[in-house]
C-alpha atoms as a PDB file:
ATOM      1  CA  MET A   1      -5.593 -14.336  21.167  1.00  0.00           C
ATOM      2  CA  ASP A   2      -6.860 -11.095  20.244  1.00  0.00           C
ATOM      3  CA  ARG A   3      -6.160  -9.845  16.599  1.00  0.00           C
ATOM      4  CA  CYS A   4      -7.338  -6.386  17.047  1.00  0.00           C
ATOM      5  CA  GLU A   5      -4.103  -4.648  18.748  1.00  0.00           C
ATOM      6  CA  PHE A   6      -2.823  -3.254  15.613  1.00  0.00           C
ATOM      7  CA  VAL A   7      -0.316  -1.193  17.850  1.00  0.00           C
ATOM      8  CA  ARG A   8       3.567  -1.123  17.015  1.00  0.00           C
ATOM      9  CA  ARG A   9       6.170  -0.140  19.262  1.00  0.00           C
ATOM     10  CA  LYS A  10       7.138   3.147  19.891  1.00  0.00           C
ATOM     11  CA  PRO A  11      10.319   3.949  17.306  1.00  0.00           C
ATOM     12  CA  LYS A  12      13.637   4.766  18.790  1.00  0.00           C
ATOM     13  CA  SER A  13      14.928   6.954  16.002  1.00  0.00           C
ATOM     14  CA  GLN A  14      13.974   9.692  13.885  1.00  0.00           C
ATOM     15  CA  LYS A  15      14.748   7.531  10.752  1.00  0.00           C
ATOM     16  CA  THR A  16      12.713   4.542  11.999  1.00  0.00           C
ATOM     17  CA  LYS A  17       9.734   6.917  12.951  1.00  0.00           C
ATOM     18  CA  ARG A  18       9.933   8.478   9.168  1.00  0.00           C
ATOM     19  CA  ALA A  19       9.958   4.879   7.645  1.00  0.00           C
ATOM     20  CA  ILE A  20       6.624   4.070   9.636  1.00  0.00           C
ATOM     21  CA  GLU A  21       4.901   7.277   8.840  1.00  0.00           C
ATOM     22  CA  ARG A  22       5.540   6.475   4.973  1.00  0.00           C
ATOM     23  CA  LYS A  23       3.847   2.825   5.543  1.00  0.00           C
ATOM     24  CA  GLN A  24       0.917   4.195   7.391  1.00  0.00           C
ATOM     25  CA  SER A  25      -2.540   3.716   6.317  1.00  0.00           C
ATOM     26  CA  LEU A  26      -3.881   5.973   3.468  1.00  0.00           C
ATOM     27  CA  VAL A  27      -7.332   7.026   2.265  1.00  0.00           C
ATOM     28  CA  ASN A  28      -6.382   5.872  -1.173  1.00  0.00           C
ATOM     29  CA  GLU A  29      -4.104   3.017  -0.252  1.00  0.00           C
ATOM     30  CA  ASN A  30      -1.332   2.093  -2.735  1.00  0.00           C
ATOM     31  CA  PRO A  31      -1.585  -1.004  -5.010  1.00  0.00           C
ATOM     32  CA  LYS A  32      -0.762  -3.929  -2.886  1.00  0.00           C
ATOM     33  CA  LYS A  33       2.377  -6.034  -2.848  1.00  0.00           C
ATOM     34  CA  THR A  34       2.605  -9.548  -2.607  1.00  0.00           C
ATOM     35  CA  LEU A  35       5.466 -11.348  -1.233  1.00  0.00           C
ATOM     36  CA  TYR A  36       6.427 -14.745  -2.224  1.00  0.00           C
ATOM     37  CA  LEU A  37       8.696 -17.109  -0.319  1.00  0.00           C
ATOM     38  CA  HIS A  38       9.229 -20.514   0.522  1.00  0.00           C
ATOM     39  CA  GLY A  39      10.401 -22.539   3.705  1.00  0.00           C
ATOM     40  CA  GLU A  40      13.421 -24.768   4.581  1.00  0.00           C
ATOM     41  CA  LYS A  41      12.066 -27.414   2.577  1.00  0.00           C
ATOM     42  CA  THR A  42      10.086 -27.381  -0.749  1.00  0.00           C
ATOM     43  CA  SER A  43       9.614 -28.981  -3.801  1.00  0.00           C
ATOM     44  CA  ASP A  44       9.874 -28.384  -7.672  1.00  0.00           C
ATOM     45  CA  ILE A  45       6.009 -28.827  -7.759  1.00  0.00           C
ATOM     46  CA  VAL A  46       5.570 -26.155  -5.269  1.00  0.00           C
ATOM     47  CA  LYS A  47       7.648 -23.719  -7.162  1.00  0.00           C
ATOM     48  CA  GLU A  48       6.058 -24.283 -10.029  1.00  0.00           C
ATOM     49  CA  VAL A  49       2.679 -23.736  -8.779  1.00  0.00           C
ATOM     50  CA  GLN A  50       3.990 -20.444  -7.291  1.00  0.00           C
ATOM     51  CA  ARG A  51       5.009 -19.229 -10.818  1.00  0.00           C
ATOM     52  CA  VAL A  52       1.347 -20.291 -11.962  1.00  0.00           C
ATOM     53  CA  ILE A  53      -0.109 -18.166  -9.057  1.00  0.00           C
ATOM     54  CA  GLN A  54       1.953 -15.422 -10.004  1.00  0.00           C
ATOM     55  CA  LEU A  55       0.930 -15.739 -13.584  1.00  0.00           C
ATOM     56  CA  VAL A  56      -2.532 -15.583 -12.850  1.00  0.00           C
ATOM     57  CA  GLN A  57      -2.309 -13.007 -10.300  1.00  0.00           C
ATOM     58  CA  SER A  58      -0.785 -11.078 -13.295  1.00  0.00           C
ATOM     59  CA  SER A  59       0.554  -8.522 -10.873  1.00  0.00           C
ATOM     60  CA  PRO A  60       3.682  -5.937 -11.260  1.00  0.00           C
ATOM     61  CA  ASN A  61       3.952  -5.522  -7.488  1.00  0.00           C
ATOM     62  CA  VAL A  62       5.761  -8.782  -6.667  1.00  0.00           C
ATOM     63  CA  VAL A  63       8.695  -9.107  -4.380  1.00  0.00           C
ATOM     64  CA  LYS A  64       9.992 -12.741  -4.641  1.00  0.00           C
ATOM     65  CA  LEU A  65      12.820 -14.216  -1.840  1.00  0.00           C
ATOM     66  CA  ASN A  66      15.078 -16.758  -3.035  1.00  0.00           C
ATOM     67  CA  GLN A  67      16.496 -17.609   0.291  1.00  0.00           C
ATOM     68  CA  PRO A  68      14.700 -20.307   2.489  1.00  0.00           C
ATOM     69  CA  ASN A  69      13.010 -18.888   5.605  1.00  0.00           C
ATOM     70  CA  LYS A  70      12.915 -21.000   8.580  1.00  0.00           C
ATOM     71  CA  THR A  71       9.424 -20.200   9.643  1.00  0.00           C
ATOM     72  CA  TYR A  72       6.115 -21.949  10.105  1.00  0.00           C
ATOM     73  CA  PRO A  73       3.272 -19.437   9.748  1.00  0.00           C
ATOM     74  CA  PHE A  74       0.394 -21.175  11.999  1.00  0.00           C
ATOM     75  CA  GLU A  75       2.998 -21.325  14.557  1.00  0.00           C
ATOM     76  CA  THR A  76       4.390 -18.101  14.324  1.00  0.00           C
ATOM     77  CA  THR A  77       3.852 -14.834  12.529  1.00  0.00           C
ATOM     78  CA  GLU A  78       6.822 -12.821  13.189  1.00  0.00           C
ATOM     79  CA  SER A  79       9.019 -13.668  10.489  1.00  0.00           C
ATOM     80  CA  LEU A  80       6.014 -13.042   8.105  1.00  0.00           C
ATOM     81  CA  GLU A  81       5.547  -9.698   9.625  1.00  0.00           C
ATOM     82  CA  PHE A  82       8.780  -8.519   9.497  1.00  0.00           C
ATOM     83  CA  LEU A  83       9.548  -9.358   6.067  1.00  0.00           C
ATOM     84  CA  GLY A  84       6.380  -7.743   5.011  1.00  0.00           C
ATOM     85  CA  PHE A  85       6.988  -4.677   6.925  1.00  0.00           C
ATOM     86  CA  LYS A  86      10.690  -4.589   5.525  1.00  0.00           C
ATOM     87  CA  ASN A  87       9.410  -5.258   1.673  1.00  0.00           C
ATOM     88  CA  ASP A  88       6.020  -3.093   2.334  1.00  0.00           C
ATOM     89  CA  CYS A  89       4.009  -5.965   1.270  1.00  0.00           C
ATOM     90  CA  SER A  90       0.283  -6.779   2.621  1.00  0.00           C
ATOM     91  CA  LEU A  91      -0.103  -9.978   0.865  1.00  0.00           C
ATOM     92  CA  PHE A  92       1.967 -13.021   0.739  1.00  0.00           C
ATOM     93  CA  CYS A  93       2.283 -16.675  -0.547  1.00  0.00           C
ATOM     94  CA  PHE A  94       4.333 -19.226   1.228  1.00  0.00           C
ATOM     95  CA  GLY A  95       5.315 -22.565  -0.009  1.00  0.00           C
ATOM     96  CA  SER A  96       6.810 -25.686   1.806  1.00  0.00           C
ATOM     97  CA  HIS A  97       6.870 -29.423   1.780  1.00  0.00           C
ATOM     98  CA  SER A  98       6.793 -32.296   4.409  1.00  0.00           C
ATOM     99  CA  LYS A  99       5.833 -35.600   4.948  1.00  0.00           C
ATOM    100  CA  LYS A 100       2.706 -34.389   7.031  1.00  0.00           C
ATOM    101  CA  ARG A 101       1.786 -31.812   4.736  1.00  0.00           C
ATOM    102  CA  PRO A 102       3.176 -32.518   1.011  1.00  0.00           C
ATOM    103  CA  HIS A 103       3.230 -29.675  -1.446  1.00  0.00           C
ATOM    104  CA  ASN A 104       1.751 -26.918   0.923  1.00  0.00           C
ATOM    105  CA  ILE A 105       0.710 -23.476  -0.211  1.00  0.00           C
ATOM    106  CA  VAL A 106      -0.166 -20.841   2.556  1.00  0.00           C
ATOM    107  CA  ILE A 107      -1.756 -17.384   1.079  1.00  0.00           C
ATOM    108  CA  GLY A 108      -2.518 -14.660   3.409  1.00  0.00           C
ATOM    109  CA  ARG A 109      -2.933 -10.823   4.135  1.00  0.00           C
ATOM    110  CA  GLN A 110      -1.658  -8.552   6.372  1.00  0.00           C
ATOM    111  CA  PHE A 111      -3.093  -5.378   8.487  1.00  0.00           C
ATOM    112  CA  ALA A 112      -0.843  -2.842   9.500  1.00  0.00           C
ATOM    113  CA  PHE A 113       1.768  -5.797   9.171  1.00  0.00           C
ATOM    114  CA  LYS A 114       0.156  -8.172  11.437  1.00  0.00           C
ATOM    115  CA  VAL A 115      -1.310 -11.090  10.113  1.00  0.00           C
ATOM    116  CA  ILE A 116      -4.924 -11.359   9.917  1.00  0.00           C
ATOM    117  CA  ASP A 117      -5.813 -14.032   7.508  1.00  0.00           C
ATOM    118  CA  MET A 118      -4.469 -17.091   6.600  1.00  0.00           C
ATOM    119  CA  MET A 119      -5.289 -20.344   4.222  1.00  0.00           C
ATOM    120  CA  GLU A 120      -3.527 -23.213   3.992  1.00  0.00           C
ATOM    121  CA  LEU A 121      -3.917 -25.133   0.816  1.00  0.00           C
ATOM    122  CA  GLY A 122      -2.806 -28.523  -0.488  1.00  0.00           C
ATOM    123  CA  ILE A 123      -1.917 -28.884  -4.208  1.00  0.00           C
ATOM    124  CA  ARG A 124      -4.054 -31.304  -6.055  1.00  0.00           C
ATOM    125  CA  ASP A 125      -4.052 -30.322  -9.647  1.00  0.00           C
ATOM    126  CA  CYS A 126      -1.910 -27.791 -11.784  1.00  0.00           C
ATOM    127  CA  ASN A 127      -2.594 -27.887 -15.383  1.00  0.00           C
ATOM    128  CA  GLU A 128      -1.473 -24.996 -17.830  1.00  0.00           C
ATOM    129  CA  GLU A 129      -2.360 -24.642 -21.491  1.00  0.00           C
ATOM    130  CA  PRO A 130       0.322 -23.550 -23.875  1.00  0.00           C
ATOM    131  CA  ASN A 131      -1.251 -20.500 -24.817  1.00  0.00           C
ATOM    132  CA  ALA A 132      -2.080 -19.536 -21.132  1.00  0.00           C
ATOM    133  CA  GLY A 133      -1.421 -15.840 -20.250  1.00  0.00           C
ATOM    134  CA  LYS A 134      -0.182 -14.776 -23.449  1.00  0.00           C
ATOM    135  CA  SER A 135      -3.002 -12.448 -24.112  1.00  0.00           C
ATOM    136  CA  ALA A 136      -3.353 -11.034 -20.637  1.00  0.00           C
ATOM    137  CA  ASN A 137      -1.739  -7.693 -19.975  1.00  0.00           C
ATOM    138  CA  LEU A 138       0.225  -7.459 -16.886  1.00  0.00           C
ATOM    139  CA  GLY A 139      -1.489  -5.359 -14.272  1.00  0.00           C
ATOM    140  CA  THR A 140      -5.006  -5.647 -15.673  1.00  0.00           C
ATOM    141  CA  LYS A 141      -8.014  -6.053 -13.585  1.00  0.00           C
ATOM    142  CA  PRO A 142      -9.635  -9.449 -14.061  1.00  0.00           C
ATOM    143  CA  ALA A 143     -13.352 -10.592 -13.819  1.00  0.00           C
ATOM    144  CA  MET A 144     -13.731 -12.632 -10.827  1.00  0.00           C
ATOM    145  CA  VAL A 145     -16.902 -15.322 -10.660  1.00  0.00           C
ATOM    146  CA  PHE A 146     -17.768 -17.368  -7.899  1.00  0.00           C
ATOM    147  CA  VAL A 147     -19.533 -20.701  -8.254  1.00  0.00           C
ATOM    148  CA  GLY A 148     -21.042 -22.769  -5.584  1.00  0.00           C
ATOM    149  CA  PRO A 149     -23.793 -22.156  -2.890  1.00  0.00           C
ATOM    150  CA  GLU A 150     -20.918 -22.907  -0.239  1.00  0.00           C
ATOM    151  CA  PHE A 151     -19.850 -19.269  -0.721  1.00  0.00           C
ATOM    152  CA  GLU A 152     -22.830 -18.012   1.079  1.00  0.00           C
ATOM    153  CA  PHE A 153     -21.995 -19.384   4.479  1.00  0.00           C
ATOM    154  CA  PRO A 154     -20.000 -16.826   6.763  1.00  0.00           C
ATOM    155  CA  LEU A 155     -16.905 -19.118   6.847  1.00  0.00           C
ATOM    156  CA  PHE A 156     -16.838 -19.415   3.317  1.00  0.00           C
ATOM    157  CA  GLU A 157     -17.680 -15.995   2.542  1.00  0.00           C
ATOM    158  CA  ARG A 158     -14.279 -15.110   4.328  1.00  0.00           C
ATOM    159  CA  VAL A 159     -12.584 -17.343   1.847  1.00  0.00           C
ATOM    160  CA  ARG A 160     -14.146 -15.736  -0.998  1.00  0.00           C
ATOM    161  CA  ASN A 161     -13.129 -12.218   0.271  1.00  0.00           C
ATOM    162  CA  LEU A 162      -9.763 -13.447   0.652  1.00  0.00           C
ATOM    163  CA  LEU A 163      -9.265 -14.895  -2.717  1.00  0.00           C
ATOM    164  CA  LEU A 164     -10.884 -11.818  -4.008  1.00  0.00           C
ATOM    165  CA  ASP A 165      -8.228  -9.553  -2.407  1.00  0.00           C
ATOM    166  CA  PHE A 166      -5.439 -11.961  -3.647  1.00  0.00           C
ATOM    167  CA  PHE A 167      -6.414 -12.233  -7.118  1.00  0.00           C
ATOM    168  CA  GLY A 168      -8.813  -9.273  -7.768  1.00  0.00           C
ATOM    169  CA  GLY A 169      -6.119  -6.618  -8.677  1.00  0.00           C
ATOM    170  CA  ALA A 170      -6.151  -3.051  -7.703  1.00  0.00           C
ATOM    171  CA  PRO A 171      -9.494  -1.416  -6.708  1.00  0.00           C
ATOM    172  CA  ALA A 172     -11.260   0.552  -9.579  1.00  0.00           C
ATOM    173  CA  GLU A 173     -14.201   2.748 -10.047  1.00  0.00           C
ATOM    174  CA  ASN A 174     -14.638   2.718 -13.455  1.00  0.00           C
ATOM    175  CA  LEU A 175     -14.047  -0.352 -15.700  1.00  0.00           C
ATOM    176  CA  ASN A 176     -13.935  -0.068 -19.639  1.00  0.00           C
ATOM    177  CA  ALA A 177     -15.091  -3.452 -21.480  1.00  0.00           C
ATOM    178  CA  ASN A 178     -12.188  -3.119 -24.100  1.00  0.00           C
ATOM    179  CA  GLY A 179      -9.515  -3.552 -21.524  1.00  0.00           C
ATOM    180  CA  LEU A 180     -11.366  -6.700 -20.155  1.00  0.00           C
ATOM    181  CA  ASP A 181      -8.672  -9.633 -21.277  1.00  0.00           C
ATOM    182  CA  ARG A 182      -9.340 -12.540 -18.480  1.00  0.00           C
ATOM    183  CA  VAL A 183     -11.478 -13.795 -16.138  1.00  0.00           C
ATOM    184  CA  ILE A 184     -11.215 -16.030 -12.972  1.00  0.00           C
ATOM    185  CA  VAL A 185     -13.590 -18.344 -11.922  1.00  0.00           C
ATOM    186  CA  ALA A 186     -13.466 -19.943  -8.668  1.00  0.00           C
ATOM    187  CA  SER A 187     -15.338 -22.678  -7.535  1.00  0.00           C
ATOM    188  CA  LEU A 188     -16.008 -24.500  -4.042  1.00  0.00           C
ATOM    189  CA  ARG A 189     -16.985 -27.935  -3.245  1.00  0.00           C
ATOM    190  CA  CYS A 190     -17.641 -29.043   0.615  1.00  0.00           C
ATOM    191  CA  ASP A 191     -18.112 -32.994   0.757  1.00  0.00           C
ATOM    192  CA  THR A 192     -18.303 -33.307   4.356  1.00  0.00           C
ATOM    193  CA  GLU A 193     -20.426 -31.569   7.502  1.00  0.00           C
ATOM    194  CA  LEU A 194     -19.067 -29.070   9.087  1.00  0.00           C
ATOM    195  CA  PRO A 195     -19.541 -28.620  13.190  1.00  0.00           C
ATOM    196  CA  SER A 196     -20.320 -24.577  12.254  1.00  0.00           C
ATOM    197  CA  TYR A 197     -20.133 -22.362   9.420  1.00  0.00           C
ATOM    198  CA  ASP A 198     -19.656 -19.585  11.271  1.00  0.00           C
ATOM    199  CA  VAL A 199     -16.092 -17.667  11.727  1.00  0.00           C
ATOM    200  CA  PRO A 200     -14.680 -18.206  15.067  1.00  0.00           C
ATOM    201  CA  THR A 201     -14.799 -15.253  17.572  1.00  0.00           C
ATOM    202  CA  ASP A 202     -11.068 -16.358  19.037  1.00  0.00           C
ATOM    203  CA  ALA A 203      -9.088 -16.292  15.845  1.00  0.00           C
ATOM    204  CA  SER A 204      -8.454 -20.167  16.320  1.00  0.00           C
ATOM    205  CA  ILE A 205      -6.918 -22.522  13.843  1.00  0.00           C
ATOM    206  CA  LEU A 206      -9.836 -24.525  11.882  1.00  0.00           C
ATOM    207  CA  THR A 207      -8.522 -27.972  10.198  1.00  0.00           C
ATOM    208  CA  PHE A 208     -10.360 -29.401   7.575  1.00  0.00           C
ATOM    209  CA  PRO A 209     -10.382 -33.208   6.733  1.00  0.00           C
ATOM    210  CA  GLU A 210      -8.269 -33.619   3.569  1.00  0.00           C
ATOM    211  CA  ASN A 211      -9.626 -33.444   0.099  1.00  0.00           C
ATOM    212  CA  LYS A 212     -13.078 -32.778   1.770  1.00  0.00           C
ATOM    213  CA  VAL A 213     -12.967 -28.945   1.054  1.00  0.00           C
ATOM    214  CA  VAL A 214     -11.563 -28.177  -2.723  1.00  0.00           C
ATOM    215  CA  VAL A 215     -11.115 -24.973  -3.974  1.00  0.00           C
ATOM    216  CA  SER A 216     -10.594 -24.779  -7.997  1.00  0.00           C
ATOM    217  CA  LEU A 217      -9.492 -21.709  -9.943  1.00  0.00           C
ATOM    218  CA  THR A 218      -9.550 -21.576 -13.867  1.00  0.00           C
ATOM    219  CA  HIS A 219      -7.718 -18.553 -15.536  1.00  0.00           C
ATOM    220  CA  LEU A 220      -8.959 -17.804 -18.805  1.00  0.00           C
ATOM    221  CA  SER A 221      -8.004 -15.443 -21.445  1.00  0.00           C
ATOM    222  CA  LEU A 222     -10.611 -13.160 -23.250  1.00  0.00           C
ATOM    223  CA  ARG A 223     -10.743 -11.641 -26.760  1.00  0.00           C
ATOM    224  CA  ARG A 224     -13.145  -9.486 -28.928  1.00  0.00           C
ATOM    225  CA  LYS A 225     -14.783 -11.703 -31.438  1.00  0.00           C
ATOM    226  CA  ASP A 226     -14.351 -10.261 -34.987  1.00  0.00           C
ATOM    227  CA  GLY A 227     -13.986  -6.731 -33.587  1.00  0.00           C
ATOM    228  CA  GLY A 228     -17.541  -6.683 -32.344  1.00  0.00           C
ATOM    229  CA  THR A 229     -18.463  -6.179 -28.987  1.00  0.00           C
ATOM    230  CA  ALA A 230     -18.941  -9.928 -28.173  1.00  0.00           C
ATOM    231  CA  ILE A 231     -16.163 -11.526 -26.040  1.00  0.00           C
ATOM    232  CA  GLU A 232     -15.205 -15.242 -26.350  1.00  0.00           C
ATOM    233  CA  VAL A 233     -12.537 -17.368 -24.817  1.00  0.00           C
ATOM    234  CA  THR A 234      -9.240 -17.876 -26.376  1.00  0.00           C
ATOM    235  CA  PRO A 235      -8.452 -21.097 -27.254  1.00  0.00           C
ATOM    236  CA  ASP A 236      -5.777 -23.376 -25.449  1.00  0.00           C
ATOM    237  CA  SER A 237      -5.347 -20.461 -22.574  1.00  0.00           C
ATOM    238  CA  ALA A 238      -6.948 -21.874 -19.520  1.00  0.00           C
ATOM    239  CA  THR A 239      -4.791 -22.443 -16.297  1.00  0.00           C
ATOM    240  CA  VAL A 240      -6.539 -24.651 -13.624  1.00  0.00           C
ATOM    241  CA  LEU A 241      -5.337 -24.758 -10.074  1.00  0.00           C
ATOM    242  CA  GLU A 242      -6.877 -27.102  -7.477  1.00  0.00           C
ATOM    243  CA  PHE A 243      -6.207 -27.081  -4.020  1.00  0.00           C
ATOM    244  CA  SER A 244      -7.644 -28.777  -0.818  1.00  0.00           C
ATOM    245  CA  ILE A 245      -8.160 -26.287   1.821  1.00  0.00           C
ATOM    246  CA  ARG A 246      -6.346 -27.690   5.315  1.00  0.00           C
ATOM    247  CA  ARG A 247      -6.340 -25.173   7.523  1.00  0.00           C
ATOM    248  CA  VAL A 248      -7.524 -21.413   7.991  1.00  0.00           C
ATOM    249  CA  ARG A 249      -7.133 -18.874  10.458  1.00  0.00           C
ATOM    250  CA  PHE A 250      -9.151 -15.758  10.187  1.00  0.00           C
ATOM    251  CA  ALA A 251      -9.374 -12.719  12.452  1.00  0.00           C
ATOM    252  CA  THR A 252     -11.992 -12.114  14.633  1.00  0.00           C
ATOM    253  CA  PRO A 253     -15.162 -10.468  13.568  1.00  0.00           C
ATOM    254  CA  HIS A 254     -14.345  -7.292  15.685  1.00  0.00           C
ATOM    255  CA  ALA A 255     -10.497  -7.178  14.415  1.00  0.00           C
ATOM    256  CA  PHE A 256     -11.933  -7.762  10.584  1.00  0.00           C
ATOM    257  CA  THR A 257     -14.180  -4.675  11.170  1.00  0.00           C
ATOM    258  CA  HIS A 258     -11.787  -2.587  12.426  1.00  0.00           C
ATOM    259  CA  ALA A 259      -9.208  -3.695   9.330  1.00  0.00           C
ATOM    260  CA  CYS A 260     -12.137  -2.748   7.208  1.00  0.00           C
ATOM    261  CA  LYS A 261     -12.803   0.812   8.511  1.00  0.00           C
ATOM    262  CA  GLN A 262     -12.203   3.629   5.982  1.00  0.00           C
ATOM    263  CA  PRO A 263     -11.588   7.247   7.413  1.00  0.00           C
ATOM    264  CA  ASP A 264     -14.583   9.863   5.844  1.00  0.00           C
ATOM    265  CA  ALA A 265     -12.511  11.615   3.219  1.00  0.00           C
ATOM    266  CA  SER A 266     -15.085  14.475   2.531  1.00  0.00           C
ATOM    267  CA  ARG A 267     -14.315  15.653   6.185  1.00  0.00           C
ATOM    268  CA  LEU A 268     -11.958  18.353   6.369  1.00  0.00           C
ATOM    269  CA  ALA A 269      -9.705  19.053   9.099  1.00  0.00           C
ATOM    270  CA  LYS A 270     -10.785  22.162  11.533  1.00  0.00           C
ATOM    271  CA  GLY A 271     -10.442  25.416   9.926  1.00  0.00           C
ATOM    272  CA  LEU A 272     -10.707  24.402   6.202  1.00  0.00           C
ATOM    273  CA  LYS A 273     -13.486  24.951   4.372  1.00  0.00           C
ATOM    274  CA  ARG A 274     -14.732  24.995   0.536  1.00  0.00           C
ATOM    275  CA  ASP A 275     -16.144  28.212  -1.187  1.00  0.00           C
ATOM    276  CA  ALA A 276     -18.659  28.088  -3.770  1.00  0.00           C
ATOM    277  CA  MET A 277     -16.169  27.636  -6.528  1.00  0.00           C
ATOM    278  CA  GLY A 278     -14.658  24.375  -4.767  1.00  0.00           C
ATOM    279  CA  ASP A 279     -11.455  26.004  -3.450  1.00  0.00           C
ATOM    280  CA  LEU A 280     -10.030  24.973  -0.367  1.00  0.00           C
ATOM    281  CA  ARG A 281      -9.930  27.861   2.290  1.00  0.00           C
ATOM    282  CA  GLY A 282      -8.346  28.101   5.409  1.00  0.00           C
ATOM    283  CA  GLN A 283      -8.647  29.984   8.878  1.00  0.00           C
ATOM    284  CA  VAL A 284      -5.765  30.822  10.800  1.00  0.00           C
ATOM    285  CA  HIS A 285      -6.658  31.971  14.694  1.00  0.00           C
ATOM    286  CA  VAL A 286      -3.890  33.768  16.357  1.00  0.00           C
ATOM    287  CA  GLY A 287      -3.976  34.464  20.115  1.00  0.00           C
ATOM    288  CA  LYS A 288      -3.542  37.931  21.687  1.00  0.00           C
ATOM    289  CA  GLN A 289      -0.331  39.272  20.842  1.00  0.00           C
ATOM    290  CA  GLU A 290       1.517  41.213  23.820  1.00  0.00           C
ATOM    291  CA  VAL A 291       3.426  43.873  22.050  1.00  0.00           C
ATOM    292  CA  ASP A 292       5.048  45.268  25.271  1.00  0.00           C
ATOM    293  CA  LYS A 293       6.754  42.013  26.289  1.00  0.00           C
ATOM    294  CA  MET A 294       8.213  41.307  22.688  1.00  0.00           C
ATOM    295  CA  THR A 295      11.697  41.618  22.154  1.00  0.00           C
ATOM    296  CA  LYS A 296      12.409  44.433  19.803  1.00  0.00           C
ATOM    297  CA  ARG A 297      15.502  44.990  17.614  1.00  0.00           C
ATOM    298  CA  ARG A 298      17.503  47.978  18.467  1.00  0.00           C
ATOM    299  CA  PHE A 299      19.604  49.863  15.811  1.00  0.00           C
ATOM    300  CA  LYS A 300      22.426  52.160  16.304  1.00  0.00           C
ATOM    301  CA  ARG A 301      22.255  55.797  15.168  1.00  0.00           C
ATOM    302  CA  ALA A 302      24.842  56.408  12.158  1.00  0.00           C
ATOM    303  CA  LYS A 303      27.610  58.484  12.946  1.00  0.00           C
ATOM    304  CA  GLU A 304      28.455  61.969  10.954  1.00  0.00           C
ATOM    305  CA  PRO A 305      31.791  62.027   9.034  1.00  0.00           C
ATOM    306  CA  GLU A 306      34.390  63.934  11.021  1.00  0.00           C
ATOM    307  CA  ALA A 307      34.842  66.566   8.296  1.00  0.00           C
ATOM    308  CA  ALA A 308      31.510  67.411   8.975  1.00  0.00           C
ATOM    309  CA  ALA A 309      31.946  68.405  12.609  1.00  0.00           C
ATOM    310  CA  GLY A 310      34.161  71.166  12.140  1.00  0.00           C
ATOM    311  CA  SER A 311      33.809  74.719  10.272  1.00  0.00           C
ATOM    312  CA  GLY A 312      36.231  74.108   7.353  1.00  0.00           C
ATOM    313  CA  ASP A 313      36.213  74.649   3.687  1.00  0.00           C
ATOM    314  CA  GLY A 314      32.682  74.062   2.493  1.00  0.00           C
ATOM    315  CA  ALA A 315      30.923  75.728   5.533  1.00  0.00           C
ATOM    316  CA  GLU A 316      28.247  78.239   5.768  1.00  0.00           C
ATOM    317  CA  GLY A 317      29.185  81.598   4.456  1.00  0.00           C
ATOM    318  CA  ASP A 318      31.215  80.412   1.393  1.00  0.00           C
ATOM    319  CA  ASP A 319      30.485  82.086  -1.690  1.00  0.00           C
ATOM    320  CA  ASN A 320      31.384  78.901  -3.806  1.00  0.00           C
ATOM    321  CA  PRO A 321      30.729  76.060  -1.470  1.00  0.00           C
ATOM    322  CA  VAL A 322      32.340  72.684  -2.631  1.00  0.00           C
ATOM    323  CA  PRO A 323      30.505  69.663  -1.895  1.00  0.00           C
ATOM    324  CA  ARG A 324      31.964  67.789   0.913  1.00  0.00           C
ATOM    325  CA  ARG A 325      32.235  64.253  -0.665  1.00  0.00           C
ATOM    326  CA  ARG A 326      34.398  66.039  -3.374  1.00  0.00           C
ATOM    327  CA  LYS A 327      36.215  67.847  -0.560  1.00  0.00           C
ATOM    328  CA  LEU A 328      36.980  64.791   1.172  1.00  0.00           C
ATOM    329  CA  GLN A 329      38.173  62.854  -2.027  1.00  0.00           C
ATOM    330  CA  ASN A 330      40.186  65.804  -3.397  1.00  0.00           C
ATOM    331  CA  ILE A 331      38.498  65.949  -6.613  1.00  0.00           C
ATOM    332  CA  PRO A 332      38.538  69.302  -8.968  1.00  0.00           C
ATOM    333  CA  ASP A 333      35.066  71.035  -9.310  1.00  0.00           C
ATOM    334  CA  PRO A 334      34.921  71.337 -13.451  1.00  0.00           C
ATOM    335  CA  SER A 335      32.759  74.266 -12.569  1.00  0.00           C
ATOM    336  CA  PHE A 336      35.393  76.427 -11.527  1.00  0.00           C
ATOM    337  CA  ASP A 337      37.015  76.088 -15.215  1.00  0.00           C
ATOM    338  CA  ILE A 338      34.079  77.721 -16.841  1.00  0.00           C
END
């Protein structure tokens, strides 16, 4: 299945068209929102791990659905795509529980409201210290550290990219060391030989042996040491999450390149340029105007009052002409009293 066709059907109404235009790709994207939901059957462990994942993510842009959803992400993604479009979420965390795959977590991302990357994780361990997350501020950007030579393979490099997109926070050009209050350490361990370490070219589902590919996330809170420049880890602030990678489905290299493509922000539209002062200038090209064929507005000539048409009082030859307006209104002229 080709995952590069990120095209939605044509809207049937202007309201739907405006809603789609508001959610189109931008040069400077808004912070990504995460959708938390669960399936028909779940467990308390899954709900607790989702709460901890939300704490580690520390993002204010979260939409949490409490109603169960009858969907299976690796069988069909229509429900996830619909809910992602409805809630304007490009990241999702789906929890489920079954006999075949107990305590299951699926994290993924969307492009143009089409699922491109998904990773199914089995919960192995969840350990949260008493002071975990108390010194971390909501919405801060953590420092991400990836440990392990396995992250250098193309297949696990995509796993690293997905974890960085999910837990890395909003993109930032400049960082202030005073605002660095937490760090996430991700480690990967692969205890088996895989047939290939390359990303499949057909967006197929890869299944890993149980408990053979393990990814561990450690969330640590940081603080300034004695008010200086040195940074130390806050005691009893560690949160450890350990998962076993069960299945993955990644976008094809062509679709992934298409999703990562960014427009040239420095390129201006046709007819626009910037002067020496940096101000935006525009040039408008107007075609030849055929004045002879233009519809002109016609004005009617104002008619004179009826009294002006005759030769009554106030006409030429009078010694003391009275103004015509006073004559019509029968207003006495004060000059006659002098």
